[in-house]
Amino acid sequence: MQDISVAQYLREHIRTVPDWPAPGVQFRDITPLLQEARVFRVLIDAFVHRYMEPTRRPDIVAGLDARGFILGAVVAYELNIGFVPIRKKGKLPFATVEETYELEYGSATVELHTDAVKQGQQVLLIDDLIATGGTMMAGKKLLQKLGAKVMEGAAIVDLPELGGSEKLRASGLELFTLIDFAGH
């Protein structure tokens, strides 16, 4: 096998689905990254190796509903730290804080248990991709409401043309992504 970068290896395992969920959209499907053990391990290791460094080590990982749960829980496990889910409204059973954000057509709300993080904790916020940035921004605001510091937002894919990563960086959030899909 020839040597290729981790990003290129992972890119080769992302499926592009044209015209889904609407005409003109090139949907970047990450499920093939999860289906093969070797590919999944390369993906998780790319995040774990970054956050094992003492200067980048979080106290806890927060994952965004729903694919951020898959990544975040495994990364947290490998780092031997805790994991907290940021869920869609109405899915958490205990007292919550909530944040509403705008979508292309309407709005959505995410929630976090009020005891999910402690004041001053360093949190890694993780999701599968960054598009418009609304979900990650809402997650950041929730964590900050509880006094945590979001040290970095992480995702497999950045779709820079949708402006989310630029908006998140402008808000002061550092970002780490493995792959950029510019254009269509």
N, C-alpha and C. Protein backbone atom coordinates (compact mmCIF):
# COMPACT_ATOMS: atom_id res chain seq x y z
N MET A 1 0.84 -1.19 0.00
CA MET A 1 0.00 0.00 0.00
C MET A 1 0.88 1.24 0.00
N GLN A 2 0.55 2.19 -0.84
CA GLN A 2 1.33 3.41 -0.87
C GLN A 2 0.99 4.29 0.33
N ASP A 3 1.93 5.14 0.72
CA ASP A 3 1.68 6.05 1.83
C ASP A 3 0.76 7.17 1.39
N ILE A 4 -0.31 7.37 2.15
CA ILE A 4 -1.20 8.49 1.92
C ILE A 4 -1.48 9.13 3.27
N SER A 5 -1.91 10.37 3.25
CA SER A 5 -2.20 11.05 4.50
C SER A 5 -3.46 10.47 5.13
N VAL A 6 -3.59 10.70 6.42
CA VAL A 6 -4.80 10.27 7.13
C VAL A 6 -6.01 10.93 6.51
N ALA A 7 -5.90 12.22 6.22
CA ALA A 7 -7.03 12.95 5.63
C ALA A 7 -7.44 12.34 4.30
N GLN A 8 -6.47 12.02 3.47
CA GLN A 8 -6.79 11.43 2.16
C GLN A 8 -7.41 10.04 2.33
N TYR A 9 -6.87 9.26 3.24
CA TYR A 9 -7.41 7.93 3.51
C TYR A 9 -8.87 8.01 3.94
N LEU A 10 -9.15 8.92 4.86
CA LEU A 10 -10.53 9.08 5.34
C LEU A 10 -11.44 9.63 4.26
N ARG A 11 -10.94 10.59 3.49
CA ARG A 11 -11.72 11.18 2.40
C ARG A 11 -12.19 10.10 1.43
N GLU A 12 -11.33 9.13 1.17
CA GLU A 12 -11.67 8.05 0.25
C GLU A 12 -12.81 7.16 0.78
N HIS A 13 -13.10 7.27 2.06
CA HIS A 13 -14.15 6.46 2.66
C HIS A 13 -15.42 7.25 3.00
N ILE A 14 -15.48 8.50 2.55
CA ILE A 14 -16.69 9.30 2.72
C ILE A 14 -17.48 9.23 1.43
N ARG A 15 -18.73 8.89 1.57
CA ARG A 15 -19.61 8.75 0.40
C ARG A 15 -20.30 10.08 0.13
N THR A 16 -20.30 10.50 -1.13
CA THR A 16 -21.04 11.69 -1.52
C THR A 16 -22.35 11.24 -2.16
N VAL A 17 -23.45 11.73 -1.62
CA VAL A 17 -24.78 11.39 -2.12
C VAL A 17 -25.35 12.65 -2.78
N PRO A 18 -25.44 12.65 -4.12
CA PRO A 18 -25.95 13.85 -4.79
C PRO A 18 -27.45 14.03 -4.58
N ASP A 19 -27.84 15.29 -4.53
CA ASP A 19 -29.25 15.68 -4.46
C ASP A 19 -29.98 15.12 -3.24
N TRP A 20 -29.28 15.05 -2.10
CA TRP A 20 -29.94 14.62 -0.87
C TRP A 20 -29.54 15.54 0.27
N PRO A 21 -30.40 16.07 1.05
CA PRO A 21 -31.84 15.80 1.11
C PRO A 21 -32.66 16.64 0.13
N ALA A 22 -31.97 17.47 -0.67
CA ALA A 22 -32.69 18.33 -1.61
C ALA A 22 -31.87 18.44 -2.90
N PRO A 23 -32.50 18.76 -4.01
CA PRO A 23 -31.77 18.92 -5.27
C PRO A 23 -30.64 19.94 -5.13
N GLY A 24 -29.48 19.59 -5.68
CA GLY A 24 -28.32 20.47 -5.65
C GLY A 24 -27.40 20.27 -4.47
N VAL A 25 -27.85 19.54 -3.46
CA VAL A 25 -27.03 19.30 -2.26
C VAL A 25 -26.15 18.08 -2.50
N GLN A 26 -24.87 18.22 -2.17
CA GLN A 26 -23.93 17.10 -2.20
C GLN A 26 -23.73 16.64 -0.76
N PHE A 27 -24.47 15.64 -0.33
CA PHE A 27 -24.43 15.19 1.07
C PHE A 27 -23.18 14.36 1.31
N ARG A 28 -22.41 14.72 2.34
CA ARG A 28 -21.19 13.99 2.71
C ARG A 28 -21.55 12.99 3.81
N ASP A 29 -21.63 11.73 3.43
CA ASP A 29 -22.07 10.66 4.32
C ASP A 29 -20.86 10.01 4.98
N ILE A 30 -20.77 10.14 6.31
CA ILE A 30 -19.63 9.58 7.04
C ILE A 30 -19.84 8.15 7.49
N THR A 31 -21.01 7.57 7.25
CA THR A 31 -21.24 6.21 7.76
C THR A 31 -20.24 5.19 7.23
N PRO A 32 -19.71 5.28 6.00
CA PRO A 32 -18.69 4.31 5.60
C PRO A 32 -17.42 4.36 6.48
N LEU A 33 -17.16 5.50 7.11
CA LEU A 33 -16.01 5.59 8.01
C LEU A 33 -16.19 4.70 9.24
N LEU A 34 -17.42 4.41 9.57
CA LEU A 34 -17.73 3.65 10.78
C LEU A 34 -17.88 2.16 10.51
N GLN A 35 -18.06 1.79 9.26
CA GLN A 35 -18.41 0.41 8.92
C GLN A 35 -17.24 -0.56 8.93
N GLU A 36 -16.04 -0.09 8.64
CA GLU A 36 -14.86 -0.96 8.62
C GLU A 36 -14.00 -0.66 9.84
N ALA A 37 -13.65 -1.68 10.57
CA ALA A 37 -12.90 -1.50 11.82
C ALA A 37 -11.62 -0.70 11.61
N ARG A 38 -10.87 -1.00 10.57
CA ARG A 38 -9.59 -0.32 10.34
C ARG A 38 -9.80 1.17 10.07
N VAL A 39 -10.78 1.50 9.26
CA VAL A 39 -11.06 2.89 8.93
C VAL A 39 -11.55 3.63 10.17
N PHE A 40 -12.44 3.00 10.93
CA PHE A 40 -12.96 3.61 12.15
C PHE A 40 -11.82 3.88 13.13
N ARG A 41 -10.90 2.94 13.27
CA ARG A 41 -9.76 3.13 14.18
C ARG A 41 -8.88 4.28 13.73
N VAL A 42 -8.60 4.39 12.42
CA VAL A 42 -7.80 5.51 11.91
C VAL A 42 -8.49 6.84 12.24
N LEU A 43 -9.80 6.88 12.04
CA LEU A 43 -10.57 8.09 12.34
C LEU A 43 -10.46 8.46 13.81
N ILE A 44 -10.75 7.54 14.69
CA ILE A 44 -10.72 7.81 16.13
C ILE A 44 -9.31 8.16 16.58
N ASP A 45 -8.32 7.42 16.08
CA ASP A 45 -6.93 7.69 16.47
C ASP A 45 -6.49 9.09 16.06
N ALA A 46 -6.99 9.61 14.94
CA ALA A 46 -6.62 10.96 14.51
C ALA A 46 -7.04 11.99 15.57
N PHE A 47 -8.20 11.79 16.17
CA PHE A 47 -8.64 12.69 17.24
C PHE A 47 -7.91 12.40 18.54
N VAL A 48 -7.82 11.13 18.92
CA VAL A 48 -7.23 10.76 20.21
C VAL A 48 -5.78 11.23 20.29
N HIS A 49 -5.00 11.02 19.25
CA HIS A 49 -3.59 11.42 19.28
C HIS A 49 -3.45 12.92 19.47
N ARG A 50 -4.35 13.70 18.87
CA ARG A 50 -4.31 15.15 19.05
C ARG A 50 -4.58 15.53 20.51
N TYR A 51 -5.58 14.92 21.11
CA TYR A 51 -6.01 15.34 22.44
C TYR A 51 -5.31 14.61 23.58
N MET A 52 -4.40 13.71 23.25
CA MET A 52 -3.54 13.10 24.28
C MET A 52 -2.43 14.06 24.71
N GLU A 53 -2.09 15.00 23.83
CA GLU A 53 -1.04 15.97 24.16
C GLU A 53 -1.47 16.76 25.39
N PRO A 54 -0.58 16.90 26.37
CA PRO A 54 -0.95 17.60 27.62
C PRO A 54 -1.51 19.01 27.39
N THR A 55 -1.02 19.73 26.40
CA THR A 55 -1.50 21.10 26.16
C THR A 55 -2.88 21.13 25.50
N ARG A 56 -3.33 20.01 24.99
CA ARG A 56 -4.64 19.94 24.32
C ARG A 56 -5.62 19.00 25.02
N ARG A 57 -5.22 18.48 26.16
CA ARG A 57 -6.04 17.46 26.81
C ARG A 57 -7.27 18.08 27.49
N PRO A 58 -8.48 17.66 27.08
CA PRO A 58 -9.69 18.17 27.71
C PRO A 58 -9.97 17.45 29.03
N ASP A 59 -10.85 18.05 29.82
CA ASP A 59 -11.33 17.40 31.04
C ASP A 59 -12.51 16.47 30.73
N ILE A 60 -13.25 16.81 29.67
CA ILE A 60 -14.46 16.08 29.31
C ILE A 60 -14.76 16.33 27.83
N VAL A 61 -15.48 15.40 27.21
CA VAL A 61 -15.89 15.55 25.82
C VAL A 61 -17.41 15.72 25.77
N ALA A 62 -17.87 16.68 24.97
CA ALA A 62 -19.29 16.87 24.73
C ALA A 62 -19.56 16.56 23.26
N GLY A 63 -20.55 15.70 23.00
CA GLY A 63 -20.89 15.31 21.64
C GLY A 63 -22.25 15.84 21.24
N LEU A 64 -22.34 16.34 20.01
CA LEU A 64 -23.59 16.89 19.50
C LEU A 64 -24.44 15.80 18.85
N ASP A 65 -25.73 15.86 19.14
CA ASP A 65 -26.73 14.92 18.63
C ASP A 65 -26.72 14.91 17.11
N ALA A 66 -26.53 13.77 16.50
CA ALA A 66 -26.41 12.43 17.02
C ALA A 66 -25.06 11.82 16.66
N ARG A 67 -24.49 12.17 15.52
CA ARG A 67 -23.23 11.54 15.14
C ARG A 67 -22.06 11.97 16.02
N GLY A 68 -22.19 13.13 16.65
CA GLY A 68 -21.17 13.54 17.63
C GLY A 68 -21.13 12.62 18.83
N PHE A 69 -22.24 11.88 19.09
CA PHE A 69 -22.25 10.89 20.16
C PHE A 69 -21.30 9.75 19.84
N ILE A 70 -21.33 9.30 18.60
CA ILE A 70 -20.51 8.16 18.18
C ILE A 70 -19.04 8.51 18.36
N LEU A 71 -18.64 9.63 17.79
CA LEU A 71 -17.24 10.05 17.85
C LEU A 71 -16.84 10.42 19.27
N GLY A 72 -17.65 11.26 19.89
CA GLY A 72 -17.29 11.79 21.19
C GLY A 72 -17.17 10.74 22.27
N ALA A 73 -18.08 9.78 22.28
CA ALA A 73 -18.03 8.74 23.32
C ALA A 73 -16.78 7.88 23.17
N VAL A 74 -16.43 7.54 21.96
CA VAL A 74 -15.25 6.70 21.75
C VAL A 74 -13.97 7.48 22.06
N VAL A 75 -13.90 8.74 21.64
CA VAL A 75 -12.73 9.57 21.94
C VAL A 75 -12.59 9.73 23.45
N ALA A 76 -13.69 10.01 24.15
CA ALA A 76 -13.64 10.16 25.61
C ALA A 76 -13.15 8.87 26.27
N TYR A 77 -13.67 7.75 25.81
CA TYR A 77 -13.25 6.45 26.35
C TYR A 77 -11.75 6.25 26.17
N GLU A 78 -11.26 6.52 24.98
CA GLU A 78 -9.83 6.34 24.70
C GLU A 78 -8.95 7.29 25.51
N LEU A 79 -9.48 8.48 25.82
CA LEU A 79 -8.72 9.45 26.62
C LEU A 79 -8.91 9.23 28.13
N ASN A 80 -9.80 8.27 28.47
CA ASN A 80 -10.10 7.96 29.87
C ASN A 80 -10.69 9.17 30.61
N ILE A 81 -11.62 9.85 29.92
CA ILE A 81 -12.33 10.98 30.52
C ILE A 81 -13.82 10.79 30.27
N GLY A 82 -14.63 11.64 30.87
CA GLY A 82 -16.07 11.52 30.73
C GLY A 82 -16.61 12.08 29.43
N PHE A 83 -17.87 11.74 29.17
CA PHE A 83 -18.58 12.18 27.96
C PHE A 83 -19.96 12.70 28.35
N VAL A 84 -20.39 13.80 27.74
CA VAL A 84 -21.74 14.31 27.94
C VAL A 84 -22.41 14.55 26.59
N PRO A 85 -23.68 14.14 26.47
CA PRO A 85 -24.41 14.36 25.23
C PRO A 85 -25.15 15.70 25.22
N ILE A 86 -25.09 16.39 24.11
CA ILE A 86 -25.92 17.56 23.87
C ILE A 86 -27.01 17.08 22.92
N ARG A 87 -28.25 17.06 23.43
CA ARG A 87 -29.36 16.41 22.72
C ARG A 87 -30.33 17.41 22.13
N LYS A 88 -31.13 16.90 21.20
CA LYS A 88 -32.26 17.67 20.69
C LYS A 88 -33.26 17.83 21.83
N LYS A 89 -34.00 18.92 21.79
CA LYS A 89 -34.96 19.25 22.85
C LYS A 89 -35.91 18.09 23.13
N GLY A 90 -36.12 17.87 24.42
CA GLY A 90 -37.10 16.88 24.86
C GLY A 90 -36.56 15.47 25.02
N LYS A 91 -35.27 15.27 24.86
CA LYS A 91 -34.70 13.92 24.94
C LYS A 91 -33.98 13.63 26.25
N LEU A 92 -33.68 14.65 27.04
CA LEU A 92 -32.96 14.45 28.29
C LEU A 92 -33.93 14.44 29.47
N PRO A 93 -33.76 13.49 30.41
CA PRO A 93 -34.75 13.30 31.47
C PRO A 93 -34.59 14.19 32.70
N PHE A 94 -33.46 14.84 32.87
CA PHE A 94 -33.17 15.61 34.08
C PHE A 94 -33.30 17.10 33.76
N ALA A 95 -33.06 17.96 34.73
CA ALA A 95 -33.11 19.41 34.53
C ALA A 95 -32.09 19.81 33.46
N THR A 96 -32.50 20.69 32.55
CA THR A 96 -31.64 21.07 31.42
C THR A 96 -31.54 22.58 31.26
N VAL A 97 -30.51 22.97 30.52
CA VAL A 97 -30.43 24.31 29.94
C VAL A 97 -30.61 24.10 28.45
N GLU A 98 -31.11 25.11 27.76
CA GLU A 98 -31.36 24.94 26.33
C GLU A 98 -30.87 26.14 25.55
N GLU A 99 -30.63 25.91 24.27
CA GLU A 99 -30.20 26.95 23.35
C GLU A 99 -30.89 26.71 22.02
N THR A 100 -31.52 27.75 21.49
CA THR A 100 -32.20 27.67 20.21
C THR A 100 -31.35 28.35 19.16
N TYR A 101 -31.30 27.77 17.98
CA TYR A 101 -30.53 28.35 16.88
C TYR A 101 -31.34 28.27 15.60
N GLU A 102 -30.95 29.08 14.65
CA GLU A 102 -31.68 29.18 13.39
C GLU A 102 -31.18 28.16 12.37
N LEU A 103 -32.13 27.59 11.67
CA LEU A 103 -31.88 26.71 10.54
C LEU A 103 -32.31 27.42 9.27
N GLU A 104 -32.05 26.81 8.13
CA GLU A 104 -32.45 27.42 6.87
C GLU A 104 -33.94 27.72 6.83
N TYR A 105 -34.75 26.78 7.35
CA TYR A 105 -36.20 26.97 7.39
C TYR A 105 -36.69 26.71 8.80
N GLY A 106 -36.60 27.71 9.67
CA GLY A 106 -37.07 27.54 11.03
C GLY A 106 -35.95 27.57 12.05
N SER A 107 -36.16 26.86 13.15
CA SER A 107 -35.17 26.85 14.22
C SER A 107 -35.15 25.47 14.87
N ALA A 108 -34.13 25.25 15.68
CA ALA A 108 -33.98 24.00 16.43
C ALA A 108 -33.45 24.35 17.81
N THR A 109 -33.68 23.46 18.75
CA THR A 109 -33.22 23.67 20.12
C THR A 109 -32.47 22.44 20.59
N VAL A 110 -31.34 22.68 21.26
CA VAL A 110 -30.58 21.60 21.87
C VAL A 110 -30.52 21.84 23.36
N GLU A 111 -30.32 20.74 24.11
CA GLU A 111 -30.31 20.81 25.56
C GLU A 111 -29.12 20.05 26.14
N LEU A 112 -28.81 20.42 27.38
CA LEU A 112 -27.72 19.80 28.12
C LEU A 112 -28.17 19.72 29.58
N HIS A 113 -27.90 18.61 30.24
CA HIS A 113 -28.21 18.50 31.67
C HIS A 113 -27.47 19.60 32.44
N THR A 114 -28.12 20.14 33.44
CA THR A 114 -27.52 21.23 34.22
C THR A 114 -26.27 20.79 35.01
N ASP A 115 -26.13 19.50 35.24
CA ASP A 115 -24.95 19.01 35.96
C ASP A 115 -23.94 18.31 35.04
N ALA A 116 -24.04 18.58 33.74
CA ALA A 116 -23.20 17.87 32.77
C ALA A 116 -21.72 18.24 32.88
N VAL A 117 -21.44 19.50 33.17
CA VAL A 117 -20.06 19.97 33.29
C VAL A 117 -19.94 20.82 34.54
N LYS A 118 -18.71 20.99 34.97
CA LYS A 118 -18.43 21.81 36.15
C LYS A 118 -17.80 23.13 35.72
N GLN A 119 -17.96 24.12 36.57
CA GLN A 119 -17.36 25.43 36.36
C GLN A 119 -15.87 25.28 36.04
N GLY A 120 -15.42 25.89 34.95
CA GLY A 120 -14.01 25.90 34.59
C GLY A 120 -13.49 24.68 33.85
N GLN A 121 -14.31 23.64 33.68
CA GLN A 121 -13.84 22.46 32.96
C GLN A 121 -13.49 22.81 31.51
N GLN A 122 -12.44 22.17 31.02
CA GLN A 122 -12.01 22.30 29.62
C GLN A 122 -12.75 21.24 28.81
N VAL A 123 -13.55 21.69 27.85
CA VAL A 123 -14.41 20.78 27.11
C VAL A 123 -14.01 20.73 25.64
N LEU A 124 -13.93 19.51 25.12
CA LEU A 124 -13.80 19.29 23.68
C LEU A 124 -15.21 19.06 23.16
N LEU A 125 -15.64 19.89 22.21
CA LEU A 125 -16.97 19.79 21.60
C LEU A 125 -16.82 19.14 20.24
N ILE A 126 -17.52 18.03 20.00
CA ILE A 126 -17.28 17.25 18.79
C ILE A 126 -18.57 16.92 18.04
N ASP A 127 -18.47 16.94 16.71
CA ASP A 127 -19.57 16.57 15.83
C ASP A 127 -18.98 15.95 14.57
N ASP A 128 -19.84 15.48 13.67
CA ASP A 128 -19.34 14.84 12.46
C ASP A 128 -18.89 15.86 11.42
N LEU A 129 -19.64 16.96 11.26
CA LEU A 129 -19.24 17.96 10.28
C LEU A 129 -19.70 19.34 10.67
N ILE A 130 -19.06 20.33 10.06
CA ILE A 130 -19.43 21.72 10.26
C ILE A 130 -19.96 22.24 8.94
N ALA A 131 -21.23 22.64 8.95
CA ALA A 131 -21.86 23.22 7.76
C ALA A 131 -22.07 24.71 8.03
N THR A 132 -23.25 25.09 8.51
CA THR A 132 -23.50 26.50 8.83
C THR A 132 -23.00 26.89 10.21
N GLY A 133 -22.65 25.90 11.03
CA GLY A 133 -22.09 26.16 12.36
C GLY A 133 -23.12 26.36 13.45
N GLY A 134 -24.40 26.34 13.13
CA GLY A 134 -25.44 26.61 14.12
C GLY A 134 -25.47 25.64 15.28
N THR A 135 -25.35 24.35 15.00
CA THR A 135 -25.42 23.36 16.07
C THR A 135 -24.21 23.47 17.00
N MET A 136 -23.02 23.61 16.41
CA MET A 136 -21.83 23.72 17.25
C MET A 136 -21.84 25.01 18.06
N MET A 137 -22.31 26.10 17.47
CA MET A 137 -22.40 27.36 18.21
C MET A 137 -23.36 27.22 19.38
N ALA A 138 -24.49 26.57 19.16
CA ALA A 138 -25.46 26.35 20.23
C ALA A 138 -24.84 25.50 21.34
N GLY A 139 -24.10 24.45 20.96
CA GLY A 139 -23.43 23.61 21.95
C GLY A 139 -22.42 24.40 22.77
N LYS A 140 -21.67 25.24 22.10
CA LYS A 140 -20.68 26.09 22.78
C LYS A 140 -21.38 26.99 23.80
N LYS A 141 -22.47 27.62 23.40
CA LYS A 141 -23.20 28.52 24.30
C LYS A 141 -23.76 27.77 25.51
N LEU A 142 -24.28 26.56 25.28
CA LEU A 142 -24.79 25.76 26.40
C LEU A 142 -23.70 25.47 27.42
N LEU A 143 -22.57 25.03 26.94
CA LEU A 143 -21.46 24.69 27.83
C LEU A 143 -20.97 25.93 28.60
N GLN A 144 -20.94 27.06 27.91
CA GLN A 144 -20.53 28.30 28.56
C GLN A 144 -21.54 28.75 29.61
N LYS A 145 -22.84 28.53 29.36
CA LYS A 145 -23.87 28.87 30.35
C LYS A 145 -23.61 28.16 31.67
N LEU A 146 -23.03 26.98 31.59
CA LEU A 146 -22.75 26.19 32.80
C LEU A 146 -21.35 26.46 33.36
N GLY A 147 -20.63 27.41 32.76
CA GLY A 147 -19.33 27.80 33.28
C GLY A 147 -18.14 27.05 32.74
N ALA A 148 -18.36 26.18 31.76
CA ALA A 148 -17.24 25.44 31.17
C ALA A 148 -16.56 26.29 30.10
N LYS A 149 -15.34 25.90 29.77
CA LYS A 149 -14.60 26.55 28.68
C LYS A 149 -14.50 25.55 27.53
N VAL A 150 -15.02 25.92 26.38
CA VAL A 150 -14.90 25.06 25.21
C VAL A 150 -13.52 25.34 24.60
N MET A 151 -12.62 24.40 24.81
CA MET A 151 -11.24 24.58 24.37
C MET A 151 -11.08 24.46 22.86
N GLU A 152 -11.95 23.63 22.25
CA GLU A 152 -11.87 23.43 20.80
C GLU A 152 -13.13 22.74 20.32
N GLY A 153 -13.52 23.06 19.10
CA GLY A 153 -14.56 22.34 18.40
C GLY A 153 -13.89 21.42 17.40
N ALA A 154 -14.33 20.19 17.30
CA ALA A 154 -13.71 19.23 16.40
C ALA A 154 -14.77 18.55 15.55
N ALA A 155 -14.39 18.25 14.32
CA ALA A 155 -15.29 17.55 13.40
C ALA A 155 -14.46 16.81 12.37
N ILE A 156 -15.08 15.82 11.76
CA ILE A 156 -14.41 15.10 10.68
C ILE A 156 -14.30 16.01 9.46
N VAL A 157 -15.44 16.61 9.08
CA VAL A 157 -15.54 17.34 7.82
C VAL A 157 -15.90 18.80 8.06
N ASP A 158 -15.26 19.68 7.32
CA ASP A 158 -15.65 21.08 7.25
C ASP A 158 -16.15 21.35 5.84
N LEU A 159 -17.30 22.01 5.75
CA LEU A 159 -17.85 22.46 4.47
C LEU A 159 -17.69 23.99 4.46
N PRO A 160 -16.48 24.49 4.13
CA PRO A 160 -16.18 25.91 4.33
C PRO A 160 -17.07 26.87 3.54
N GLU A 161 -17.57 26.46 2.41
CA GLU A 161 -18.39 27.37 1.61
C GLU A 161 -19.71 27.72 2.28
N LEU A 162 -20.13 26.93 3.28
CA LEU A 162 -21.37 27.23 3.99
C LEU A 162 -21.16 28.23 5.13
N GLY A 163 -19.90 28.58 5.40
CA GLY A 163 -19.59 29.67 6.31
C GLY A 163 -19.58 29.35 7.80
N GLY A 164 -19.86 28.12 8.17
CA GLY A 164 -19.92 27.78 9.58
C GLY A 164 -18.59 27.88 10.30
N SER A 165 -17.55 27.35 9.69
CA SER A 165 -16.25 27.38 10.37
C SER A 165 -15.76 28.81 10.54
N GLU A 166 -16.01 29.66 9.57
CA GLU A 166 -15.61 31.06 9.67
C GLU A 166 -16.37 31.74 10.82
N LYS A 167 -17.67 31.47 10.91
CA LYS A 167 -18.51 32.05 11.96
C LYS A 167 -18.05 31.56 13.34
N LEU A 168 -17.74 30.28 13.45
CA LEU A 168 -17.30 29.72 14.73
C LEU A 168 -15.96 30.31 15.16
N ARG A 169 -15.03 30.41 14.22
CA ARG A 169 -13.72 31.01 14.55
C ARG A 169 -13.89 32.47 14.95
N ALA A 170 -14.78 33.20 14.27
CA ALA A 170 -15.03 34.61 14.59
C ALA A 170 -15.59 34.76 16.01
N SER A 171 -16.26 33.70 16.51
CA SER A 171 -16.81 33.74 17.87
C SER A 171 -15.74 33.42 18.91
N GLY A 172 -14.52 33.09 18.45
CA GLY A 172 -13.43 32.76 19.36
C GLY A 172 -13.21 31.28 19.58
N LEU A 173 -13.97 30.44 18.86
CA LEU A 173 -13.82 28.99 19.03
C LEU A 173 -12.72 28.46 18.11
N GLU A 174 -11.73 27.82 18.69
CA GLU A 174 -10.72 27.14 17.88
C GLU A 174 -11.35 25.89 17.29
N LEU A 175 -10.97 25.57 16.06
CA LEU A 175 -11.54 24.41 15.37
C LEU A 175 -10.45 23.48 14.89
N PHE A 176 -10.78 22.19 14.91
CA PHE A 176 -9.92 21.16 14.32
C PHE A 176 -10.81 20.26 13.47
N THR A 177 -10.50 20.19 12.19
CA THR A 177 -11.22 19.28 11.30
C THR A 177 -10.19 18.47 10.52
N LEU A 178 -10.59 17.28 10.13
CA LEU A 178 -9.69 16.39 9.42
C LEU A 178 -9.73 16.61 7.90
N ILE A 179 -10.90 16.97 7.38
CA ILE A 179 -11.10 17.05 5.93
C ILE A 179 -11.93 18.27 5.59
N ASP A 180 -11.52 19.00 4.55
CA ASP A 180 -12.34 20.08 3.99
C ASP A 180 -12.90 19.59 2.66
N PHE A 181 -14.18 19.84 2.48
CA PHE A 181 -14.83 19.59 1.18
C PHE A 181 -15.23 20.94 0.62
N ALA A 182 -14.33 21.57 -0.11
CA ALA A 182 -14.64 22.85 -0.73
C ALA A 182 -15.40 22.60 -2.02
N GLY A 183 -16.33 23.49 -2.32
CA GLY A 183 -17.10 23.36 -3.57
C GLY A 183 -18.02 22.16 -3.52
N HIS A 184 -18.49 21.77 -4.70
CA HIS A 184 -19.40 20.64 -4.79
C HIS A 184 -18.64 19.44 -5.29
